[in-house]
Amino acid sequence: MTESKEKITINQLKKYFRSYDLAKLSDFIFSETVSIDEFNKKNKNFYEISKDNELVTYINPIVSLSDGDIVFSKQNLLNRYLNY
């Protein structure tokens, strides 16, 4: 009896492993890109980095961390986080 293996495509992986899901698991979100609707539900003190018709990339300038917290940040904005 042979074992059948399914190939995982990039689209399948994106379906199950999105940055939005990782951000929700973190204790603190420094920066992320979300839909405009999702951004409007969040704190109004966030600093918009970029915005188009669908998405907003923002930074949370109020860094409040405790020992052991998990921080989520867009990779290209990580240096800004480390400078806070």
Protein backbone atom coordinates (compact mmCIF):
# COMPACT_ATOMS: atom_id res chain seq x y z
CA MET A 1 0.00 0.00 0.00
CA THR A 2 1.46 3.36 -0.97
CA GLU A 3 0.88 6.54 0.93
CA SER A 4 -0.50 9.44 -1.10
CA LYS A 5 0.96 12.85 -0.38
CA GLU A 6 -0.76 16.10 -1.16
CA LYS A 7 1.31 18.94 -2.52
CA ILE A 8 0.74 22.19 -0.66
CA THR A 9 0.51 25.12 -3.02
CA ILE A 10 1.42 28.69 -2.14
CA ASN A 11 -2.26 29.67 -2.32
CA GLN A 12 -3.18 26.94 0.17
CA LEU A 13 -0.42 28.06 2.49
CA LYS A 14 -1.57 31.68 2.31
CA LYS A 15 -5.08 30.53 3.15
CA TYR A 16 -3.92 29.02 6.42
CA PHE A 17 -0.91 31.13 7.34
CA ARG A 18 -1.52 34.85 7.06
CA SER A 19 0.23 37.67 8.86
CA TYR A 20 -3.16 38.85 10.12
CA ASP A 21 -3.53 35.56 12.00
CA LEU A 22 -0.09 35.94 13.58
CA ALA A 23 -0.85 39.52 14.60
CA LYS A 24 -4.00 38.37 16.39
CA LEU A 25 -1.91 35.90 18.42
CA SER A 26 0.60 38.54 19.54
CA ASP A 27 0.50 40.60 22.73
CA PHE A 28 1.45 43.85 20.99
CA ILE A 29 1.15 44.92 17.35
CA PHE A 30 3.71 47.56 16.43
CA SER A 31 2.92 47.69 12.71
CA GLU A 32 0.78 45.85 10.20
CA THR A 33 -1.20 46.23 7.00
CA VAL A 34 -4.96 45.77 7.30
CA SER A 35 -8.12 46.59 5.40
CA ILE A 36 -9.48 50.10 5.79
CA ASP A 37 -12.50 48.70 7.65
CA GLU A 38 -10.26 46.85 10.11
CA PHE A 39 -8.09 49.94 10.60
CA ASN A 40 -11.15 52.06 11.39
CA LYS A 41 -12.04 49.64 14.22
CA LYS A 42 -8.62 50.14 15.82
CA ASN A 43 -7.18 52.91 17.99
CA LYS A 44 -7.21 56.31 16.31
CA ASN A 45 -3.77 57.20 17.71
CA PHE A 46 -2.05 54.96 15.17
CA TYR A 47 0.26 56.58 12.63
CA GLU A 48 -0.58 55.80 9.00
CA ILE A 49 2.48 54.88 6.94
CA SER A 50 0.62 54.26 3.69
CA LYS A 51 -2.94 53.94 2.46
CA ASP A 52 -4.62 53.00 -0.80
CA ASN A 53 -8.19 52.16 -1.79
CA GLU A 54 -8.19 48.90 0.17
CA LEU A 55 -5.34 48.74 2.70
CA VAL A 56 -3.68 50.80 5.42
CA THR A 57 -0.21 50.22 6.82
CA TYR A 58 0.18 51.70 10.28
CA ILE A 59 2.49 52.01 13.28
CA ASN A 60 1.34 51.98 16.87
CA PRO A 61 3.53 54.71 18.42
CA ILE A 62 2.49 53.85 21.99
CA VAL A 63 4.82 50.98 22.87
CA SER A 64 3.67 49.24 26.02
CA LEU A 65 5.37 45.92 26.71
CA SER A 66 5.77 43.48 29.55
CA ASP A 67 8.43 40.82 29.99
CA GLY A 68 7.77 37.91 27.66
CA ASP A 69 5.33 39.73 25.35
CA ILE A 70 5.14 38.63 21.73
CA VAL A 71 5.49 41.60 19.35
CA PHE A 72 4.19 41.61 15.78
CA SER A 73 5.64 44.00 13.21
CA LYS A 74 6.00 44.21 9.47
CA GLN A 75 9.56 43.24 8.68
CA ASN A 76 10.37 46.44 6.78
CA LEU A 77 9.28 48.53 9.81
CA LEU A 78 11.17 46.52 12.42
CA ASN A 79 14.04 49.03 12.62
CA ARG A 80 11.58 51.75 13.61
CA TYR A 81 10.30 49.52 16.42
CA LEU A 82 13.83 48.87 17.69
CA ASN A 83 14.49 52.63 17.80
CA TYR A 84 11.49 53.34 20.10
